[in-house]
Amino acid sequence: MIGDRIKSLRKGKGLTQEEAAKRLKMIRSTYSNYENGNREPDFETAEKIAEFYGVDVNYLLGKFTNDQAKNAVLEAYTRLPQDKRKIIDEMIKALSE
């Protein structure tokens, strides 16, 4: 389960295992073992991987689905004051151009 999520996130960024491992400062074979389900990262490493891919560690560990993660982000966004939401809106617009 965690391996599938890591693999999907890596592919979504257009990275090879080698590139992802290098950026995460780990050996490619270790990274590959995580993706293939041969090993599971310890919590500290899972946090590092989650941060690298910009996801919540709970999503990475399968504590909730991607839809639940999106809903959590949307809820947090709607609780922000209007001026903070405007900043996020501008960032999203700039990133999508």
PDB file of N, CA and C in Angstrom:
ATOM      1  N   MET A   1       0.827  -1.192   0.000  1.00  0.00           N
ATOM      2  CA  MET A   1       0.000   0.000   0.000  1.00  0.00           C
ATOM      3  C   MET A   1       0.872   1.257   0.000  1.00  0.00           C
ATOM      4  N   ILE A   2       1.790   1.389   0.964  1.00  0.00           N
ATOM      5  CA  ILE A   2       2.644   2.572   1.006  1.00  0.00           C
ATOM      6  C   ILE A   2       3.520   2.640  -0.240  1.00  0.00           C
ATOM      7  N   GLY A   3       3.973   1.470  -0.697  1.00  0.00           N
ATOM      8  CA  GLY A   3       4.811   1.432  -1.893  1.00  0.00           C
ATOM      9  C   GLY A   3       4.078   1.950  -3.117  1.00  0.00           C
ATOM     10  N   ASP A   4       2.820   1.571  -3.245  1.00  0.00           N
ATOM     11  CA  ASP A   4       2.017   2.043  -4.384  1.00  0.00           C
ATOM     12  C   ASP A   4       1.841   3.552  -4.343  1.00  0.00           C
ATOM     13  N   ARG A   5       1.643   4.077  -3.155  1.00  0.00           N
ATOM     14  CA  ARG A   5       1.471   5.527  -3.023  1.00  0.00           C
ATOM     15  C   ARG A   5       2.767   6.254  -3.361  1.00  0.00           C
ATOM     16  N   ILE A   6       3.885   5.743  -2.860  1.00  0.00           N
ATOM     17  CA  ILE A   6       5.182   6.369  -3.146  1.00  0.00           C
ATOM     18  C   ILE A   6       5.456   6.338  -4.646  1.00  0.00           C
ATOM     19  N   LYS A   7       5.200   5.207  -5.263  1.00  0.00           N
ATOM     20  CA  LYS A   7       5.433   5.068  -6.707  1.00  0.00           C
ATOM     21  C   LYS A   7       4.563   6.041  -7.495  1.00  0.00           C
ATOM     22  N   SER A   8       3.302   6.137  -7.131  1.00  0.00           N
ATOM     23  CA  SER A   8       2.385   7.035  -7.817  1.00  0.00           C
ATOM     24  C   SER A   8       2.824   8.492  -7.666  1.00  0.00           C
ATOM     25  N   LEU A   9       3.247   8.865  -6.477  1.00  0.00           N
ATOM     26  CA  LEU A   9       3.705  10.231  -6.237  1.00  0.00           C
ATOM     27  C   LEU A   9       4.962  10.532  -7.052  1.00  0.00           C
ATOM     28  N   ARG A  10       5.884   9.569  -7.096  1.00  0.00           N
ATOM     29  CA  ARG A  10       7.120   9.756  -7.861  1.00  0.00           C
ATOM     30  C   ARG A  10       6.815   9.941  -9.337  1.00  0.00           C
ATOM     31  N   LYS A  11       5.969   9.068  -9.863  1.00  0.00           N
ATOM     32  CA  LYS A  11       5.614   9.161 -11.279  1.00  0.00           C
ATOM     33  C   LYS A  11       4.885  10.466 -11.578  1.00  0.00           C
ATOM     34  N   GLY A  12       4.072  10.922 -10.631  1.00  0.00           N
ATOM     35  CA  GLY A  12       3.369  12.189 -10.794  1.00  0.00           C
ATOM     36  C   GLY A  12       4.315  13.370 -10.906  1.00  0.00           C
ATOM     37  N   LYS A  13       5.480  13.246 -10.307  1.00  0.00           N
ATOM     38  CA  LYS A  13       6.501  14.301 -10.403  1.00  0.00           C
ATOM     39  C   LYS A  13       7.429  14.084 -11.593  1.00  0.00           C
ATOM     40  N   GLY A  14       7.231  12.964 -12.309  1.00  0.00           N
ATOM     41  CA  GLY A  14       8.064  12.687 -13.474  1.00  0.00           C
ATOM     42  C   GLY A  14       9.500  12.335 -13.127  1.00  0.00           C
ATOM     43  N   LEU A  15       9.695  11.697 -11.985  1.00  0.00           N
ATOM     44  CA  LEU A  15      11.039  11.339 -11.536  1.00  0.00           C
ATOM     45  C   LEU A  15      11.315   9.855 -11.709  1.00  0.00           C
ATOM     46  N   THR A  16      12.574   9.516 -11.892  1.00  0.00           N
ATOM     47  CA  THR A  16      12.990   8.118 -11.845  1.00  0.00           C
ATOM     48  C   THR A  16      13.234   7.764 -10.383  1.00  0.00           C
ATOM     49  N   GLN A  17      13.351   6.486 -10.110  1.00  0.00           N
ATOM     50  CA  GLN A  17      13.688   6.075  -8.747  1.00  0.00           C
ATOM     51  C   GLN A  17      15.032   6.660  -8.334  1.00  0.00           C
ATOM     52  N   GLU A  18      15.965   6.659  -9.263  1.00  0.00           N
ATOM     53  CA  GLU A  18      17.302   7.195  -8.985  1.00  0.00           C
ATOM     54  C   GLU A  18      17.221   8.670  -8.587  1.00  0.00           C
ATOM     55  N   GLU A  19      16.454   9.454  -9.346  1.00  0.00           N
ATOM     56  CA  GLU A  19      16.326  10.885  -9.056  1.00  0.00           C
ATOM     57  C   GLU A  19      15.654  11.119  -7.695  1.00  0.00           C
ATOM     58  N   ALA A  20      14.582  10.380  -7.435  1.00  0.00           N
ATOM     59  CA  ALA A  20      13.872  10.535  -6.167  1.00  0.00           C
ATOM     60  C   ALA A  20      14.773  10.156  -5.003  1.00  0.00           C
ATOM     61  N   ALA A  21      15.467   9.037  -5.132  1.00  0.00           N
ATOM     62  CA  ALA A  21      16.365   8.583  -4.065  1.00  0.00           C
ATOM     63  C   ALA A  21      17.451   9.616  -3.799  1.00  0.00           C
ATOM     64  N   LYS A  22      18.016  10.153  -4.865  1.00  0.00           N
ATOM     65  CA  LYS A  22      19.084  11.149  -4.713  1.00  0.00           C
ATOM     66  C   LYS A  22      18.570  12.380  -3.972  1.00  0.00           C
ATOM     67  N   ARG A  23      17.394  12.852  -4.362  1.00  0.00           N
ATOM     68  CA  ARG A  23      16.830  14.048  -3.717  1.00  0.00           C
ATOM     69  C   ARG A  23      16.466  13.792  -2.260  1.00  0.00           C
ATOM     70  N   LEU A  24      16.122  12.534  -1.961  1.00  0.00           N
ATOM     71  CA  LEU A  24      15.790  12.163  -0.587  1.00  0.00           C
ATOM     72  C   LEU A  24      17.026  11.741   0.210  1.00  0.00           C
ATOM     73  N   LYS A  25      18.185  11.769  -0.465  1.00  0.00           N
ATOM     74  CA  LYS A  25      19.454  11.400   0.158  1.00  0.00           C
ATOM     75  C   LYS A  25      19.426   9.978   0.708  1.00  0.00           C
ATOM     76  N   MET A  26      19.006   9.065  -0.179  1.00  0.00           N
ATOM     77  CA  MET A  26      19.025   7.647   0.179  1.00  0.00           C
ATOM     78  C   MET A  26      19.496   6.837  -1.016  1.00  0.00           C
ATOM     79  N   ILE A  27      19.866   5.612  -0.750  1.00  0.00           N
ATOM     80  CA  ILE A  27      20.331   4.707  -1.796  1.00  0.00           C
ATOM     81  C   ILE A  27      19.136   4.281  -2.641  1.00  0.00           C
ATOM     82  N   ARG A  28      19.333   4.201  -3.968  1.00  0.00           N
ATOM     83  CA  ARG A  28      18.239   3.843  -4.866  1.00  0.00           C
ATOM     84  C   ARG A  28      17.625   2.496  -4.504  1.00  0.00           C
ATOM     85  N   SER A  29      18.440   1.524  -4.130  1.00  0.00           N
ATOM     86  CA  SER A  29      17.896   0.201  -3.806  1.00  0.00           C
ATOM     87  C   SER A  29      16.974   0.263  -2.583  1.00  0.00           C
ATOM     88  N   THR A  30      17.301   1.119  -1.638  1.00  0.00           N
ATOM     89  CA  THR A  30      16.426   1.293  -0.469  1.00  0.00           C
ATOM     90  C   THR A  30      15.098   1.885  -0.914  1.00  0.00           C
ATOM     91  N   TYR A  31      15.190   2.933  -1.736  1.00  0.00           N
ATOM     92  CA  TYR A  31      13.974   3.572  -2.249  1.00  0.00           C
ATOM     93  C   TYR A  31      13.141   2.566  -3.041  1.00  0.00           C
ATOM     94  N   SER A  32      13.801   1.805  -3.884  1.00  0.00           N
ATOM     95  CA  SER A  32      13.120   0.797  -4.693  1.00  0.00           C
ATOM     96  C   SER A  32      12.415  -0.228  -3.811  1.00  0.00           C
ATOM     97  N   ASN A  33      13.068  -0.628  -2.745  1.00  0.00           N
ATOM     98  CA  ASN A  33      12.453  -1.590  -1.820  1.00  0.00           C
ATOM     99  C   ASN A  33      11.192  -1.021  -1.175  1.00  0.00           C
ATOM    100  N   TYR A  34      11.184   0.281  -0.900  1.00  0.00           N
ATOM    101  CA  TYR A  34       9.969   0.907  -0.362  1.00  0.00           C
ATOM    102  C   TYR A  34       8.845   0.847  -1.388  1.00  0.00           C
ATOM    103  N   GLU A  35       9.158   1.215  -2.627  1.00  0.00           N
ATOM    104  CA  GLU A  35       8.136   1.206  -3.682  1.00  0.00           C
ATOM    105  C   GLU A  35       7.607  -0.194  -3.961  1.00  0.00           C
ATOM    106  N   ASN A  36       8.488  -1.180  -3.929  1.00  0.00           N
ATOM    107  CA  ASN A  36       8.095  -2.542  -4.274  1.00  0.00           C
ATOM    108  C   ASN A  36       7.505  -3.319  -3.102  1.00  0.00           C
ATOM    109  N   GLY A  37       7.430  -2.700  -1.942  1.00  0.00           N
ATOM    110  CA  GLY A  37       6.836  -3.348  -0.781  1.00  0.00           C
ATOM    111  C   GLY A  37       7.735  -4.359  -0.104  1.00  0.00           C
ATOM    112  N   ASN A  38       9.013  -4.348  -0.438  1.00  0.00           N
ATOM    113  CA  ASN A  38       9.956  -5.267   0.206  1.00  0.00           C
ATOM    114  C   ASN A  38      10.385  -4.769   1.580  1.00  0.00           C
ATOM    115  N   ARG A  39      10.285  -3.467   1.784  1.00  0.00           N
ATOM    116  CA  ARG A  39      10.609  -2.831   3.066  1.00  0.00           C
ATOM    117  C   ARG A  39       9.621  -1.702   3.285  1.00  0.00           C
ATOM    118  N   GLU A  40       9.425  -1.368   4.549  1.00  0.00           N
ATOM    119  CA  GLU A  40       8.621  -0.199   4.878  1.00  0.00           C
ATOM    120  C   GLU A  40       9.513   0.802   5.585  1.00  0.00           C
ATOM    121  N   PRO A  41       9.383   2.072   5.226  1.00  0.00           N
ATOM    122  CA  PRO A  41      10.209   3.077   5.890  1.00  0.00           C
ATOM    123  C   PRO A  41       9.802   3.244   7.349  1.00  0.00           C
ATOM    124  N   ASP A  42      10.778   3.591   8.191  1.00  0.00           N
ATOM    125  CA  ASP A  42      10.421   3.927   9.565  1.00  0.00           C
ATOM    126  C   ASP A  42       9.651   5.252   9.524  1.00  0.00           C
ATOM    127  N   PHE A  43       9.083   5.645  10.645  1.00  0.00           N
ATOM    128  CA  PHE A  43       8.212   6.815  10.637  1.00  0.00           C
ATOM    129  C   PHE A  43       8.959   8.075  10.216  1.00  0.00           C
ATOM    130  N   GLU A  44      10.194   8.236  10.693  1.00  0.00           N
ATOM    131  CA  GLU A  44      10.980   9.422  10.335  1.00  0.00           C
ATOM    132  C   GLU A  44      11.211   9.491   8.821  1.00  0.00           C
ATOM    133  N   THR A  45      11.516   8.367   8.212  1.00  0.00           N
ATOM    134  CA  THR A  45      11.735   8.327   6.767  1.00  0.00           C
ATOM    135  C   THR A  45      10.421   8.560   6.028  1.00  0.00           C
ATOM    136  N   ALA A  46       9.335   8.002   6.539  1.00  0.00           N
ATOM    137  CA  ALA A  46       8.022   8.219   5.922  1.00  0.00           C
ATOM    138  C   ALA A  46       7.672   9.709   5.951  1.00  0.00           C
ATOM    139  N   GLU A  47       7.977  10.383   7.061  1.00  0.00           N
ATOM    140  CA  GLU A  47       7.735  11.818   7.148  1.00  0.00           C
ATOM    141  C   GLU A  47       8.559  12.570   6.109  1.00  0.00           C
ATOM    142  N   LYS A  48       9.808  12.155   5.945  1.00  0.00           N
ATOM    143  CA  LYS A  48      10.708  12.788   4.970  1.00  0.00           C
ATOM    144  C   LYS A  48      10.173  12.607   3.550  1.00  0.00           C
ATOM    145  N   ILE A  49       9.713  11.402   3.235  1.00  0.00           N
ATOM    146  CA  ILE A  49       9.158  11.123   1.903  1.00  0.00           C
ATOM    147  C   ILE A  49       7.879  11.923   1.691  1.00  0.00           C
ATOM    148  N   ALA A  50       7.014  11.946   2.702  1.00  0.00           N
ATOM    149  CA  ALA A  50       5.756  12.693   2.598  1.00  0.00           C
ATOM    150  C   ALA A  50       6.029  14.181   2.371  1.00  0.00           C
ATOM    151  N   GLU A  51       6.978  14.731   3.108  1.00  0.00           N
ATOM    152  CA  GLU A  51       7.316  16.149   2.946  1.00  0.00           C
ATOM    153  C   GLU A  51       7.853  16.409   1.542  1.00  0.00           C
ATOM    154  N   PHE A  52       8.705  15.518   1.056  1.00  0.00           N
ATOM    155  CA  PHE A  52       9.276  15.674  -0.282  1.00  0.00           C
ATOM    156  C   PHE A  52       8.182  15.725  -1.346  1.00  0.00           C
ATOM    157  N   TYR A  53       7.177  14.862  -1.215  1.00  0.00           N
ATOM    158  CA  TYR A  53       6.102  14.810  -2.204  1.00  0.00           C
ATOM    159  C   TYR A  53       4.944  15.758  -1.897  1.00  0.00           C
ATOM    160  N   GLY A  54       5.026  16.461  -0.777  1.00  0.00           N
ATOM    161  CA  GLY A  54       3.992  17.449  -0.459  1.00  0.00           C
ATOM    162  C   GLY A  54       2.665  16.838  -0.063  1.00  0.00           C
ATOM    163  N   VAL A  55       2.730  15.698   0.618  1.00  0.00           N
ATOM    164  CA  VAL A  55       1.506  15.059   1.090  1.00  0.00           C
ATOM    165  C   VAL A  55       1.595  14.880   2.600  1.00  0.00           C
ATOM    166  N   ASP A  56       0.471  14.642   3.207  1.00  0.00           N
ATOM    167  CA  ASP A  56       0.427  14.360   4.631  1.00  0.00           C
ATOM    168  C   ASP A  56       0.943  12.949   4.867  1.00  0.00           C
ATOM    169  N   VAL A  57       1.714  12.771   5.923  1.00  0.00           N
ATOM    170  CA  VAL A  57       2.259  11.447   6.221  1.00  0.00           C
ATOM    171  C   VAL A  57       1.136  10.428   6.431  1.00  0.00           C
ATOM    172  N   ASN A  58      -0.010  10.884   6.922  1.00  0.00           N
ATOM    173  CA  ASN A  58      -1.138   9.972   7.111  1.00  0.00           C
ATOM    174  C   ASN A  58      -1.651   9.430   5.780  1.00  0.00           C
ATOM    175  N   TYR A  59      -1.621  10.255   4.749  1.00  0.00           N
ATOM    176  CA  TYR A  59      -1.998   9.774   3.420  1.00  0.00           C
ATOM    177  C   TYR A  59      -0.994   8.726   2.952  1.00  0.00           C
ATOM    178  N   LEU A  60       0.277   9.052   3.116  1.00  0.00           N
ATOM    179  CA  LEU A  60       1.326   8.140   2.673  1.00  0.00           C
ATOM    180  C   LEU A  60       1.211   6.786   3.378  1.00  0.00           C
ATOM    181  N   LEU A  61       0.888   6.807   4.648  1.00  0.00           N
ATOM    182  CA  LEU A  61       0.782   5.574   5.435  1.00  0.00           C
ATOM    183  C   LEU A  61      -0.568   4.882   5.280  1.00  0.00           C
ATOM    184  N   GLY A  62      -1.448   5.477   4.475  1.00  0.00           N
ATOM    185  CA  GLY A  62      -2.737   4.836   4.231  1.00  0.00           C
ATOM    186  C   GLY A  62      -3.759   5.081   5.312  1.00  0.00           C
ATOM    187  N   LYS A  63      -3.547   6.096   6.125  1.00  0.00           N
ATOM    188  CA  LYS A  63      -4.505   6.404   7.194  1.00  0.00           C
ATOM    189  C   LYS A  63      -5.777   7.028   6.636  1.00  0.00           C
ATOM    190  N   PHE A  64      -5.659   7.664   5.475  1.00  0.00           N
ATOM    191  CA  PHE A  64      -6.840   8.139   4.776  1.00  0.00           C
ATOM    192  C   PHE A  64      -6.552   8.188   3.289  1.00  0.00           C
ATOM    193  N   THR A  65      -7.616   8.209   2.519  1.00  0.00           N
ATOM    194  CA  THR A  65      -7.496   8.179   1.065  1.00  0.00           C
ATOM    195  C   THR A  65      -7.133   9.553   0.522  1.00  0.00           C
ATOM    196  N   ASN A  66      -6.796   9.592  -0.727  1.00  0.00           N
ATOM    197  CA  ASN A  66      -6.475  10.850  -1.371  1.00  0.00           C
ATOM    198  C   ASN A  66      -7.681  11.793  -1.339  1.00  0.00           C
ATOM    199  N   ASP A  67      -8.882  11.244  -1.521  1.00  0.00           N
ATOM    200  CA  ASP A  67     -10.084  12.084  -1.454  1.00  0.00           C
ATOM    201  C   ASP A  67     -10.258  12.674  -0.058  1.00  0.00           C
ATOM    202  N   GLN A  68      -9.979  11.877   0.962  1.00  0.00           N
ATOM    203  CA  GLN A  68     -10.071  12.393   2.324  1.00  0.00           C
ATOM    204  C   GLN A  68      -9.015  13.464   2.556  1.00  0.00           C
ATOM    205  N   ALA A  69      -7.826  13.258   1.993  1.00  0.00           N
ATOM    206  CA  ALA A  69      -6.766  14.255   2.120  1.00  0.00           C
ATOM    207  C   ALA A  69      -7.189  15.555   1.438  1.00  0.00           C
ATOM    208  N   LYS A  70      -7.772  15.435   0.242  1.00  0.00           N
ATOM    209  CA  LYS A  70      -8.237  16.631  -0.463  1.00  0.00           C
ATOM    210  C   LYS A  70      -9.310  17.344   0.345  1.00  0.00           C
ATOM    211  N   ASN A  71     -10.212  16.575   0.940  1.00  0.00           N
ATOM    212  CA  ASN A  71     -11.270  17.181   1.752  1.00  0.00           C
ATOM    213  C   ASN A  71     -10.690  17.904   2.962  1.00  0.00           C
ATOM    214  N   ALA A  72      -9.657  17.314   3.576  1.00  0.00           N
ATOM    215  CA  ALA A  72      -9.019  17.942   4.736  1.00  0.00           C
ATOM    216  C   ALA A  72      -8.369  19.262   4.331  1.00  0.00           C
ATOM    217  N   VAL A  73      -7.731  19.277   3.175  1.00  0.00           N
ATOM    218  CA  VAL A  73      -7.111  20.511   2.682  1.00  0.00           C
ATOM    219  C   VAL A  73      -8.183  21.555   2.381  1.00  0.00           C
ATOM    220  N   LEU A  74      -9.248  21.134   1.739  1.00  0.00           N
ATOM    221  CA  LEU A  74     -10.334  22.057   1.414  1.00  0.00           C
ATOM    222  C   LEU A  74     -10.957  22.649   2.679  1.00  0.00           C
ATOM    223  N   GLU A  75     -11.146  21.809   3.690  1.00  0.00           N
ATOM    224  CA  GLU A  75     -11.696  22.298   4.958  1.00  0.00           C
ATOM    225  C   GLU A  75     -10.771  23.325   5.591  1.00  0.00           C
ATOM    226  N   ALA A  76      -9.459  23.032   5.590  1.00  0.00           N
ATOM    227  CA  ALA A  76      -8.490  23.968   6.160  1.00  0.00           C
ATOM    228  C   ALA A  76      -8.511  25.283   5.386  1.00  0.00           C
ATOM    229  N   TYR A  77      -8.595  25.184   4.074  1.00  0.00           N
ATOM    230  CA  TYR A  77      -8.641  26.373   3.212  1.00  0.00           C
ATOM    231  C   TYR A  77      -9.859  27.233   3.537  1.00  0.00           C
ATOM    232  N   THR A  78     -11.008  26.604   3.686  1.00  0.00           N
ATOM    233  CA  THR A  78     -12.237  27.372   3.922  1.00  0.00           C
ATOM    234  C   THR A  78     -12.239  28.032   5.298  1.00  0.00           C
ATOM    235  N   ARG A  79     -11.441  27.519   6.220  1.00  0.00           N
ATOM    236  CA  ARG A  79     -11.364  28.133   7.552  1.00  0.00           C
ATOM    237  C   ARG A  79     -10.412  29.326   7.590  1.00  0.00           C
ATOM    238  N   LEU A  80      -9.630  29.503   6.532  1.00  0.00           N
ATOM    239  CA  LEU A  80      -8.690  30.623   6.495  1.00  0.00           C
ATOM    240  C   LEU A  80      -9.414  31.939   6.287  1.00  0.00           C
ATOM    241  N   PRO A  81      -8.836  33.010   6.803  1.00  0.00           N
ATOM    242  CA  PRO A  81      -9.408  34.333   6.511  1.00  0.00           C
ATOM    243  C   PRO A  81      -9.268  34.638   5.020  1.00  0.00           C
ATOM    244  N   GLN A  82     -10.116  35.524   4.522  1.00  0.00           N
ATOM    245  CA  GLN A  82     -10.150  35.840   3.099  1.00  0.00           C
ATOM    246  C   GLN A  82      -8.789  36.273   2.568  1.00  0.00           C
ATOM    247  N   ASP A  83      -8.038  37.066   3.321  1.00  0.00           N
ATOM    248  CA  ASP A  83      -6.741  37.545   2.828  1.00  0.00           C
ATOM    249  C   ASP A  83      -5.752  36.404   2.640  1.00  0.00           C
ATOM    250  N   LYS A  84      -5.817  35.403   3.489  1.00  0.00           N
ATOM    251  CA  LYS A  84      -4.934  34.235   3.354  1.00  0.00           C
ATOM    252  C   LYS A  84      -5.354  33.369   2.164  1.00  0.00           C
ATOM    253  N   ARG A  85      -6.667  33.223   1.966  1.00  0.00           N
ATOM    254  CA  ARG A  85      -7.151  32.465   0.811  1.00  0.00           C
ATOM    255  C   ARG A  85      -6.738  33.130  -0.495  1.00  0.00           C
ATOM    256  N   LYS A  86      -6.742  34.465  -0.513  1.00  0.00           N
ATOM    257  CA  LYS A  86      -6.349  35.189  -1.711  1.00  0.00           C
ATOM    258  C   LYS A  86      -4.894  34.890  -2.062  1.00  0.00           C
ATOM    259  N   ILE A  87      -4.031  34.806  -1.060  1.00  0.00           N
ATOM    260  CA  ILE A  87      -2.618  34.475  -1.289  1.00  0.00           C
ATOM    261  C   ILE A  87      -2.498  33.091  -1.915  1.00  0.00           C
ATOM    262  N   ILE A  88      -3.222  32.136  -1.373  1.00  0.00           N
ATOM    263  CA  ILE A  88      -3.191  30.766  -1.900  1.00  0.00           C
ATOM    264  C   ILE A  88      -3.727  30.733  -3.321  1.00  0.00           C
ATOM    265  N   ASP A  89      -4.816  31.436  -3.555  1.00  0.00           N
ATOM    266  CA  ASP A  89      -5.392  31.499  -4.905  1.00  0.00           C
ATOM    267  C   ASP A  89      -4.382  32.043  -5.912  1.00  0.00           C
ATOM    268  N   GLU A  90      -3.667  33.089  -5.518  1.00  0.00           N
ATOM    269  CA  GLU A  90      -2.666  33.689  -6.399  1.00  0.00           C
ATOM    270  C   GLU A  90      -1.511  32.719  -6.666  1.00  0.00           C
ATOM    271  N   MET A  91      -1.109  31.978  -5.639  1.00  0.00           N
ATOM    272  CA  MET A  91      -0.031  30.996  -5.807  1.00  0.00           C
ATOM    273  C   MET A  91      -0.458  29.886  -6.765  1.00  0.00           C
ATOM    274  N   ILE A  92      -1.664  29.405  -6.596  1.00  0.00           N
ATOM    275  CA  ILE A  92      -2.166  28.344  -7.476  1.00  0.00           C
ATOM    276  C   ILE A  92      -2.242  28.838  -8.915  1.00  0.00           C
ATOM    277  N   LYS A  93      -2.729  30.048  -9.082  1.00  0.00           N
ATOM    278  CA  LYS A  93      -2.819  30.619 -10.425  1.00  0.00           C
ATOM    279  C   LYS A  93      -1.435  30.726 -11.069  1.00  0.00           C
ATOM    280  N   ALA A  94      -0.457  31.214 -10.299  1.00  0.00           N
ATOM    281  CA  ALA A  94       0.911  31.367 -10.811  1.00  0.00           C
ATOM    282  C   ALA A  94       1.522  30.009 -11.158  1.00  0.00           C
ATOM    283  N   LEU A  95       1.261  29.007 -10.363  1.00  0.00           N
ATOM    284  CA  LEU A  95       1.812  27.679 -10.616  1.00  0.00           C
ATOM    285  C   LEU A  95       1.195  27.004 -11.836  1.00  0.00           C
ATOM    286  N   SER A  96      -0.047  27.339 -12.110  1.00  0.00           N
ATOM    287  CA  SER A  96      -0.739  26.681 -13.224  1.00  0.00           C
ATOM    288  C   SER A  96      -0.494  27.374 -14.558  1.00  0.00           C
ATOM    289  N   GLU A  97       0.169  28.499 -14.551  1.00  0.00           N
ATOM    290  CA  GLU A  97       0.429  29.221 -15.804  1.00  0.00           C
ATOM    291  C   GLU A  97       1.659  28.697 -16.491  1.00  0.00           C
TER     292      GLU A  97
END
